[in-house]
Amino acid sequence: MSKPGQRSKRSYGTGGLRQIGGSWYGTWRDAGGRKVQRKIGAVRTTGRPDGITKLDAEKRLAQLRKESATFVSPDDRVTMEAAGAELCARLALRGRKKSHN
């Protein structure tokens, strides 16, 4: 329990928000259990309307978490071998030199 005047901790699984330099960054786990980190926006300077407040950053973090809630199965992920073959095929279609394939 939190003491009077203290903020309570964020509930489990809702991610985290931190300030790095002049920007807000959010961290959370997606539906597949992978860690996701995204830049939320610039930090508001005191007395200026140039960035976003912590409350606005919290709202954007909640939106981003909701958007990334879809699960991608490991079978749907692209392997390095498949990505390399696709790149070679695209380069061949463009008529690239053999040294580029």
Protein backbone atom coordinates (compact mmCIF):
# COMPACT_ATOMS: atom_id res chain seq x y z
CA MET A 1 0.00 0.00 0.00
CA SER A 2 1.12 3.52 -0.65
CA LYS A 3 1.41 6.12 2.06
CA PRO A 4 -0.66 9.29 1.95
CA GLY A 5 0.88 11.77 -0.49
CA GLN A 6 2.78 9.04 -2.41
CA ARG A 7 1.88 7.77 -5.83
CA SER A 8 1.19 4.07 -6.07
CA LYS A 9 3.10 1.81 -8.44
CA ARG A 10 1.81 1.07 -11.88
CA SER A 11 -0.11 -2.20 -12.09
CA TYR A 12 1.71 -5.26 -13.39
CA GLY A 13 1.96 -5.59 -17.14
CA THR A 14 1.09 -1.99 -18.01
CA GLY A 15 4.61 -1.02 -19.03
CA GLY A 16 6.79 1.84 -17.95
CA LEU A 17 7.38 5.47 -18.84
CA ARG A 18 10.68 7.25 -18.38
CA GLN A 19 12.36 10.45 -19.40
CA ILE A 20 15.63 10.17 -21.30
CA GLY A 21 17.19 13.47 -22.26
CA GLY A 22 14.37 15.62 -23.56
CA SER A 23 12.04 12.79 -24.57
CA TRP A 24 9.50 10.40 -23.04
CA TYR A 25 10.10 6.70 -23.74
CA GLY A 26 7.64 3.88 -23.11
CA THR A 27 8.50 0.24 -22.45
CA TRP A 28 6.07 -2.69 -22.35
CA ARG A 29 5.64 -6.34 -23.32
CA ASP A 30 3.55 -7.20 -26.37
CA ALA A 31 1.11 -10.12 -26.66
CA GLY A 32 3.95 -12.47 -27.65
CA GLY A 33 6.01 -11.54 -24.58
CA ARG A 34 8.60 -9.50 -26.50
CA LYS A 35 9.87 -6.26 -24.98
CA VAL A 36 8.85 -3.15 -26.94
CA GLN A 37 10.41 0.29 -26.51
CA ARG A 38 9.09 3.36 -28.29
CA LYS A 39 9.70 7.09 -28.16
CA ILE A 40 6.49 8.75 -27.00
CA GLY A 41 7.35 12.41 -27.59
CA ALA A 42 9.31 15.43 -26.43
CA VAL A 43 9.14 16.50 -22.78
CA ARG A 44 7.32 19.75 -22.13
CA THR A 45 9.49 22.61 -20.94
CA THR A 46 8.12 24.35 -17.85
CA GLY A 47 5.97 27.28 -18.89
CA ARG A 48 6.09 26.49 -22.63
CA PRO A 49 3.70 24.58 -24.88
CA ASP A 50 6.52 22.83 -26.78
CA GLY A 51 6.22 19.18 -25.72
CA ILE A 52 3.88 16.78 -23.94
CA THR A 53 3.22 16.46 -20.23
CA LYS A 54 3.65 13.25 -18.27
CA LEU A 55 -0.12 12.75 -18.23
CA ASP A 56 -0.27 13.05 -22.04
CA ALA A 57 2.67 10.66 -22.35
CA GLU A 58 0.80 8.14 -20.15
CA LYS A 59 -2.21 8.38 -22.46
CA ARG A 60 -0.09 7.86 -25.58
CA LEU A 61 1.64 4.90 -23.92
CA ALA A 62 -1.76 3.32 -23.28
CA GLN A 63 -2.70 3.89 -26.95
CA LEU A 64 0.53 2.34 -28.22
CA ARG A 65 0.10 -0.67 -25.93
CA LYS A 66 -3.43 -1.17 -27.22
CA GLU A 67 -2.27 -0.94 -30.86
CA SER A 68 0.50 -3.50 -30.34
CA ALA A 69 -1.77 -5.96 -28.55
CA THR A 70 -2.11 -8.17 -31.63
CA PHE A 71 -0.10 -11.38 -31.43
CA VAL A 72 2.26 -12.42 -34.21
CA SER A 73 2.99 -16.12 -34.11
CA PRO A 74 6.59 -17.27 -34.55
CA ASP A 75 5.52 -19.03 -37.76
CA ASP A 76 4.56 -15.68 -39.32
CA ARG A 77 7.94 -14.09 -38.65
CA VAL A 78 10.41 -13.76 -41.51
CA THR A 79 13.71 -15.63 -41.15
CA MET A 80 17.06 -14.23 -42.26
CA GLU A 81 17.23 -16.85 -45.01
CA ALA A 82 13.84 -15.85 -46.42
CA ALA A 83 14.67 -12.15 -46.18
CA GLY A 84 17.98 -12.69 -47.99
CA ALA A 85 16.32 -14.67 -50.77
CA GLU A 86 13.70 -11.92 -51.18
CA LEU A 87 16.43 -9.25 -51.35
CA CYS A 88 18.34 -11.20 -54.01
CA ALA A 89 15.16 -11.62 -56.05
CA ARG A 90 14.39 -7.90 -55.88
CA LEU A 91 17.94 -6.97 -56.88
CA ALA A 92 17.80 -9.37 -59.82
CA LEU A 93 14.53 -7.78 -61.00
CA ARG A 94 16.20 -4.38 -60.95
CA GLY A 95 19.00 -5.71 -63.14
CA ARG A 96 21.75 -5.24 -60.57
CA LYS A 97 25.24 -6.52 -61.24
CA LYS A 98 26.16 -10.04 -60.15
CA SER A 99 28.39 -8.61 -57.40
CA HIS A 100 25.30 -7.07 -55.78
CA ASN A 101 23.31 -10.32 -55.70
